[in-house]
Amino acid sequence: DCLDRCATVEEGVRLFETTPITNGALLTLADGRGDRAVVERSCTTSRVRRTDEALLVTFNKYRHPDMERFEVPVGAVSAGLVPGIPLHESNLARQRRWDELAPASGERFTEAEIRRCMTDHAGGRGDSNTICRHADPLSETLWSALLDTRRRTVRVVFGHACSGPYVEYGIDGATPTLAGRASDRDAPEPMLHG
């Protein structure tokens, strides 16, 4: 609905702030003008997070201070189908690793640098606490995307981010093509998701 009705981040923010939802969500938005934002939603409240950093990154945990009261507490452990897993351990570990890997604030990322971060296994095999998640009983990386809002394309790898190759799609319905592995081309206007 957002892609059909909204041409700008502001229009998307308004849509997501007013649409009723039944669970929390982190919605990353970007447009062709370079504007970007994350709408952090609970069932009753929303806040918008923006940044002046090179990339806007979200690891499945509210980061806006006003949303912390809606968050599952840090230290909470899962029950039910997959009991005994610290629920935010992976989110916090992946954010820490991102902070270690990412170039200094304000630097422009190359596509190769973004892919290096997205496919990171922290020097070992992918697991629950790596950016490219493998073998996690609750969640693992199912797909990753590089969105270029100026070219109006998205490059997607279905499966783990490290499994490549990426397939490029035109947002206006262009035919998908295989995109090369990491290159030194300039980064797409940044949105990271995986």
C-alpha atoms as a PDB file:
ATOM      1  CA  ASP A   1       0.000   0.000   0.000  1.00  0.00           C
ATOM      2  CA  CYS A   2       2.824   2.420   0.881  1.00  0.00           C
ATOM      3  CA  LEU A   3       4.599   1.895  -2.477  1.00  0.00           C
ATOM      4  CA  ASP A   4       1.337   2.480  -4.337  1.00  0.00           C
ATOM      5  CA  ARG A   5       0.211   5.552  -2.385  1.00  0.00           C
ATOM      6  CA  CYS A   6       3.344   7.330  -1.173  1.00  0.00           C
ATOM      7  CA  ALA A   7       5.962   9.209  -3.215  1.00  0.00           C
ATOM      8  CA  THR A   8       8.004  10.606  -0.310  1.00  0.00           C
ATOM      9  CA  VAL A   9       9.246   9.537   3.090  1.00  0.00           C
ATOM     10  CA  GLU A  10       6.924  12.087   4.721  1.00  0.00           C
ATOM     11  CA  GLU A  11       3.886  10.548   3.000  1.00  0.00           C
ATOM     12  CA  GLY A  12       5.038   7.102   4.147  1.00  0.00           C
ATOM     13  CA  VAL A  13       5.555   8.322   7.703  1.00  0.00           C
ATOM     14  CA  ARG A  14       2.018   9.760   7.785  1.00  0.00           C
ATOM     15  CA  LEU A  15       0.577   6.501   6.424  1.00  0.00           C
ATOM     16  CA  PHE A  16       2.403   4.302   8.927  1.00  0.00           C
ATOM     17  CA  GLU A  17       1.685   6.595  11.868  1.00  0.00           C
ATOM     18  CA  THR A  18      -2.058   6.443  11.190  1.00  0.00           C
ATOM     19  CA  THR A  19      -2.557   2.827  10.069  1.00  0.00           C
ATOM     20  CA  PRO A  20      -3.779   0.559  12.879  1.00  0.00           C
ATOM     21  CA  ILE A  21      -1.507  -2.431  13.536  1.00  0.00           C
ATOM     22  CA  THR A  22      -1.737  -5.472  15.816  1.00  0.00           C
ATOM     23  CA  ASN A  23       1.933  -5.745  16.758  1.00  0.00           C
ATOM     24  CA  GLY A  24       5.087  -3.673  16.927  1.00  0.00           C
ATOM     25  CA  ALA A  25       7.082  -2.844  13.818  1.00  0.00           C
ATOM     26  CA  LEU A  26      10.199  -1.063  12.590  1.00  0.00           C
ATOM     27  CA  LEU A  27       9.524   0.395   9.140  1.00  0.00           C
ATOM     28  CA  THR A  28      12.500   1.771   7.216  1.00  0.00           C
ATOM     29  CA  LEU A  29      11.630   4.328   4.532  1.00  0.00           C
ATOM     30  CA  ALA A  30      13.762   6.030   1.850  1.00  0.00           C
ATOM     31  CA  ASP A  31      12.921   8.140  -1.201  1.00  0.00           C
ATOM     32  CA  GLY A  32      14.584   9.433  -4.348  1.00  0.00           C
ATOM     33  CA  ARG A  33      15.435  12.777  -2.745  1.00  0.00           C
ATOM     34  CA  GLY A  34      17.649  11.024  -0.197  1.00  0.00           C
ATOM     35  CA  ASP A  35      15.226  11.472   2.706  1.00  0.00           C
ATOM     36  CA  ARG A  36      15.006   8.473   5.030  1.00  0.00           C
ATOM     37  CA  ALA A  37      13.441   7.547   8.335  1.00  0.00           C
ATOM     38  CA  VAL A  38      12.472   4.616  10.530  1.00  0.00           C
ATOM     39  CA  VAL A  39       8.933   4.572  11.902  1.00  0.00           C
ATOM     40  CA  GLU A  40       9.014   2.701  15.201  1.00  0.00           C
ATOM     41  CA  ARG A  41       5.512   1.409  16.006  1.00  0.00           C
ATOM     42  CA  SER A  42       3.777  -0.256  18.910  1.00  0.00           C
ATOM     43  CA  CYS A  43       0.048  -0.987  18.755  1.00  0.00           C
ATOM     44  CA  THR A  44      -0.709   2.412  20.279  1.00  0.00           C
ATOM     45  CA  THR A  45       2.294   4.664  19.720  1.00  0.00           C
ATOM     46  CA  SER A  46       4.718   5.624  16.974  1.00  0.00           C
ATOM     47  CA  ARG A  47       7.916   7.615  16.817  1.00  0.00           C
ATOM     48  CA  VAL A  48      10.074   8.576  13.855  1.00  0.00           C
ATOM     49  CA  ARG A  49      13.834   8.099  13.958  1.00  0.00           C
ATOM     50  CA  ARG A  50      16.145   9.916  11.543  1.00  0.00           C
ATOM     51  CA  THR A  51      19.904  10.236  11.285  1.00  0.00           C
ATOM     52  CA  ASP A  52      22.612  12.356   9.722  1.00  0.00           C
ATOM     53  CA  GLU A  53      24.849   9.265   9.581  1.00  0.00           C
ATOM     54  CA  ALA A  54      25.828   7.672   6.262  1.00  0.00           C
ATOM     55  CA  LEU A  55      23.371   4.798   6.793  1.00  0.00           C
ATOM     56  CA  LEU A  56      20.160   4.320   8.741  1.00  0.00           C
ATOM     57  CA  VAL A  57      20.384   0.874  10.350  1.00  0.00           C
ATOM     58  CA  THR A  58      17.881  -1.084  12.432  1.00  0.00           C
ATOM     59  CA  PHE A  59      18.407  -4.441  14.175  1.00  0.00           C
ATOM     60  CA  ASN A  60      14.920  -5.478  15.369  1.00  0.00           C
ATOM     61  CA  LYS A  61      14.943  -3.336  18.494  1.00  0.00           C
ATOM     62  CA  TYR A  62      13.406   0.045  19.186  1.00  0.00           C
ATOM     63  CA  ARG A  63      16.055   2.751  19.377  1.00  0.00           C
ATOM     64  CA  HIS A  64      13.892   5.833  19.907  1.00  0.00           C
ATOM     65  CA  PRO A  65      13.935   6.621  23.659  1.00  0.00           C
ATOM     66  CA  ASP A  66      10.150   7.125  23.780  1.00  0.00           C
ATOM     67  CA  MET A  67       9.586   3.577  22.498  1.00  0.00           C
ATOM     68  CA  GLU A  68      11.654   1.778  25.130  1.00  0.00           C
ATOM     69  CA  ARG A  69       8.644   1.409  27.451  1.00  0.00           C
ATOM     70  CA  PHE A  70       6.941  -0.713  24.746  1.00  0.00           C
ATOM     71  CA  GLU A  71       9.976  -2.922  24.126  1.00  0.00           C
ATOM     72  CA  VAL A  72      10.362  -6.441  25.425  1.00  0.00           C
ATOM     73  CA  PRO A  73      12.824  -5.837  28.288  1.00  0.00           C
ATOM     74  CA  VAL A  74      16.514  -6.455  27.645  1.00  0.00           C
ATOM     75  CA  GLY A  75      17.310  -9.694  29.453  1.00  0.00           C
ATOM     76  CA  ALA A  76      13.902 -11.266  28.759  1.00  0.00           C
ATOM     77  CA  VAL A  77      14.089 -14.936  27.782  1.00  0.00           C
ATOM     78  CA  SER A  78      11.792 -16.702  25.325  1.00  0.00           C
ATOM     79  CA  ALA A  79       9.168 -19.212  26.409  1.00  0.00           C
ATOM     80  CA  GLY A  80       6.783 -21.362  24.404  1.00  0.00           C
ATOM     81  CA  LEU A  81       7.895 -23.058  21.175  1.00  0.00           C
ATOM     82  CA  VAL A  82      11.587 -22.150  21.489  1.00  0.00           C
ATOM     83  CA  PRO A  83      12.247 -21.603  25.205  1.00  0.00           C
ATOM     84  CA  GLY A  84      15.389 -20.279  26.848  1.00  0.00           C
ATOM     85  CA  ILE A  85      16.703 -17.776  24.280  1.00  0.00           C
ATOM     86  CA  PRO A  86      17.629 -14.247  25.462  1.00  0.00           C
ATOM     87  CA  LEU A  87      15.386 -12.244  23.115  1.00  0.00           C
ATOM     88  CA  HIS A  88      17.574  -9.182  22.540  1.00  0.00           C
ATOM     89  CA  GLU A  89      20.959 -10.863  22.707  1.00  0.00           C
ATOM     90  CA  SER A  90      21.166 -11.157  18.919  1.00  0.00           C
ATOM     91  CA  ASN A  91      19.885  -7.630  18.251  1.00  0.00           C
ATOM     92  CA  LEU A  92      22.396  -6.085  20.642  1.00  0.00           C
ATOM     93  CA  ALA A  93      25.316  -8.245  19.436  1.00  0.00           C
ATOM     94  CA  ARG A  94      24.565  -7.451  15.790  1.00  0.00           C
ATOM     95  CA  GLN A  95      24.323  -3.708  16.529  1.00  0.00           C
ATOM     96  CA  ARG A  96      27.675  -3.806  18.385  1.00  0.00           C
ATOM     97  CA  ARG A  97      29.287  -5.659  15.476  1.00  0.00           C
ATOM     98  CA  TRP A  98      27.839  -3.161  12.986  1.00  0.00           C
ATOM     99  CA  ASP A  99      29.305  -0.318  15.028  1.00  0.00           C
ATOM    100  CA  GLU A 100      32.733  -2.038  14.881  1.00  0.00           C
ATOM    101  CA  LEU A 101      32.590  -2.641  11.108  1.00  0.00           C
ATOM    102  CA  ALA A 102      30.977   0.508   9.780  1.00  0.00           C
ATOM    103  CA  PRO A 103      33.235   3.253   8.406  1.00  0.00           C
ATOM    104  CA  ALA A 104      33.506   6.385  10.513  1.00  0.00           C
ATOM    105  CA  SER A 105      30.419   8.592  10.711  1.00  0.00           C
ATOM    106  CA  GLY A 106      29.779  10.764   7.703  1.00  0.00           C
ATOM    107  CA  GLU A 107      31.859   8.726   5.257  1.00  0.00           C
ATOM    108  CA  ARG A 108      30.213   7.532   2.085  1.00  0.00           C
ATOM    109  CA  PHE A 109      29.962   3.745   1.896  1.00  0.00           C
ATOM    110  CA  THR A 110      30.827   1.846  -1.232  1.00  0.00           C
ATOM    111  CA  GLU A 111      28.564  -1.007  -2.235  1.00  0.00           C
ATOM    112  CA  ALA A 112      31.424  -3.383  -1.392  1.00  0.00           C
ATOM    113  CA  GLU A 113      31.575  -1.998   2.181  1.00  0.00           C
ATOM    114  CA  ILE A 114      27.830  -2.396   2.660  1.00  0.00           C
ATOM    115  CA  ARG A 115      27.944  -5.967   1.389  1.00  0.00           C
ATOM    116  CA  ARG A 116      30.957  -6.725   3.610  1.00  0.00           C
ATOM    117  CA  CYS A 117      28.931  -5.615   6.634  1.00  0.00           C
ATOM    118  CA  MET A 118      25.763  -7.428   5.556  1.00  0.00           C
ATOM    119  CA  THR A 119      27.618 -10.727   5.039  1.00  0.00           C
ATOM    120  CA  ASP A 120      29.692 -10.536   8.216  1.00  0.00           C
ATOM    121  CA  HIS A 121      30.103 -13.690  10.321  1.00  0.00           C
ATOM    122  CA  ALA A 122      32.370 -12.030  12.942  1.00  0.00           C
ATOM    123  CA  GLY A 123      35.369 -14.064  11.803  1.00  0.00           C
ATOM    124  CA  GLY A 124      33.616 -17.418  12.141  1.00  0.00           C
ATOM    125  CA  ARG A 125      30.552 -19.189  10.866  1.00  0.00           C
ATOM    126  CA  GLY A 126      27.261 -17.338  10.786  1.00  0.00           C
ATOM    127  CA  ASP A 127      25.122 -17.831  13.888  1.00  0.00           C
ATOM    128  CA  SER A 128      22.390 -16.123  15.903  1.00  0.00           C
ATOM    129  CA  ASN A 129      24.594 -13.195  16.878  1.00  0.00           C
ATOM    130  CA  THR A 130      26.186 -12.371  13.515  1.00  0.00           C
ATOM    131  CA  ILE A 131      24.848  -9.753  11.108  1.00  0.00           C
ATOM    132  CA  CYS A 132      24.324 -12.489   8.502  1.00  0.00           C
ATOM    133  CA  ARG A 133      22.327 -14.838  10.721  1.00  0.00           C
ATOM    134  CA  HIS A 134      22.441 -18.633  10.304  1.00  0.00           C
ATOM    135  CA  ALA A 135      21.094 -21.559  12.318  1.00  0.00           C
ATOM    136  CA  ASP A 136      18.937 -19.465  14.638  1.00  0.00           C
ATOM    137  CA  PRO A 137      15.888 -21.280  16.036  1.00  0.00           C
ATOM    138  CA  LEU A 138      13.884 -18.033  16.210  1.00  0.00           C
ATOM    139  CA  SER A 139      15.025 -16.124  13.152  1.00  0.00           C
ATOM    140  CA  GLU A 140      17.719 -16.075  10.523  1.00  0.00           C
ATOM    141  CA  THR A 141      18.505 -13.954   7.492  1.00  0.00           C
ATOM    142  CA  LEU A 142      15.973 -14.832   4.785  1.00  0.00           C
ATOM    143  CA  TRP A 143      16.915 -12.100   2.301  1.00  0.00           C
ATOM    144  CA  SER A 144      18.924  -8.914   2.079  1.00  0.00           C
ATOM    145  CA  ALA A 145      18.412  -5.868  -0.077  1.00  0.00           C
ATOM    146  CA  LEU A 146      20.352  -2.859  -1.323  1.00  0.00           C
ATOM    147  CA  LEU A 147      17.985  -0.065  -2.302  1.00  0.00           C
ATOM    148  CA  ASP A 148      19.119   2.664  -4.680  1.00  0.00           C
ATOM    149  CA  THR A 149      16.434   5.323  -4.392  1.00  0.00           C
ATOM    150  CA  ARG A 150      17.942   7.541  -7.076  1.00  0.00           C
ATOM    151  CA  ARG A 151      18.187   4.798  -9.726  1.00  0.00           C
ATOM    152  CA  ARG A 152      14.903   3.315  -8.460  1.00  0.00           C
ATOM    153  CA  THR A 153      16.344  -0.176  -8.175  1.00  0.00           C
ATOM    154  CA  VAL A 154      16.654  -2.770  -5.470  1.00  0.00           C
ATOM    155  CA  ARG A 155      19.255  -5.546  -5.434  1.00  0.00           C
ATOM    156  CA  VAL A 156      18.069  -8.598  -3.523  1.00  0.00           C
ATOM    157  CA  VAL A 157      19.676 -11.858  -2.486  1.00  0.00           C
ATOM    158  CA  PHE A 158      17.138 -14.470  -1.421  1.00  0.00           C
ATOM    159  CA  GLY A 159      18.642 -16.511   1.390  1.00  0.00           C
ATOM    160  CA  HIS A 160      21.587 -15.559   3.573  1.00  0.00           C
ATOM    161  CA  ALA A 161      23.296 -12.307   2.607  1.00  0.00           C
ATOM    162  CA  CYS A 162      26.525 -14.251   2.064  1.00  0.00           C
ATOM    163  CA  SER A 163      24.906 -16.617  -0.437  1.00  0.00           C
ATOM    164  CA  GLY A 164      24.665 -14.149  -3.402  1.00  0.00           C
ATOM    165  CA  PRO A 165      24.332 -13.390  -6.220  1.00  0.00           C
ATOM    166  CA  TYR A 166      22.066 -10.375  -5.980  1.00  0.00           C
ATOM    167  CA  VAL A 167      19.208  -9.928  -8.454  1.00  0.00           C
ATOM    168  CA  GLU A 168      18.430  -6.349  -9.461  1.00  0.00           C
ATOM    169  CA  TYR A 169      14.840  -5.199  -9.883  1.00  0.00           C
ATOM    170  CA  GLY A 170      13.607  -1.898 -11.214  1.00  0.00           C
ATOM    171  CA  ILE A 171      11.071  -0.463  -8.813  1.00  0.00           C
ATOM    172  CA  ASP A 172       9.000   0.617 -11.799  1.00  0.00           C
ATOM    173  CA  GLY A 173       8.799  -3.012 -12.978  1.00  0.00           C
ATOM    174  CA  ALA A 174      12.013  -3.444 -14.977  1.00  0.00           C
ATOM    175  CA  THR A 175      13.208  -6.949 -15.747  1.00  0.00           C
ATOM    176  CA  PRO A 176      15.368  -8.497 -13.006  1.00  0.00           C
ATOM    177  CA  THR A 177      19.066  -8.956 -13.829  1.00  0.00           C
ATOM    178  CA  LEU A 178      21.936 -10.569 -11.975  1.00  0.00           C
ATOM    179  CA  ALA A 179      24.007  -7.964 -10.188  1.00  0.00           C
ATOM    180  CA  GLY A 180      27.674  -8.617  -9.612  1.00  0.00           C
ATOM    181  CA  ARG A 181      29.114  -9.507  -6.265  1.00  0.00           C
ATOM    182  CA  ALA A 182      30.778  -6.833  -4.147  1.00  0.00           C
ATOM    183  CA  SER A 183      32.287  -4.055  -6.203  1.00  0.00           C
ATOM    184  CA  ASP A 184      33.919  -0.735  -5.604  1.00  0.00           C
ATOM    185  CA  ARG A 185      31.072   1.229  -7.179  1.00  0.00           C
ATOM    186  CA  ASP A 186      29.543   3.964  -5.079  1.00  0.00           C
ATOM    187  CA  ALA A 187      26.936   2.695  -2.681  1.00  0.00           C
ATOM    188  CA  PRO A 188      23.270   2.924  -3.442  1.00  0.00           C
ATOM    189  CA  GLU A 189      21.504   5.658  -1.541  1.00  0.00           C
ATOM    190  CA  PRO A 190      21.483   3.826   1.681  1.00  0.00           C
ATOM    191  CA  MET A 191      18.934   1.544   3.121  1.00  0.00           C
ATOM    192  CA  LEU A 192      20.098  -1.635   4.764  1.00  0.00           C
ATOM    193  CA  HIS A 193      17.800  -4.496   5.543  1.00  0.00           C
ATOM    194  CA  GLY A 194      18.313  -8.110   6.152  1.00  0.00           C
END
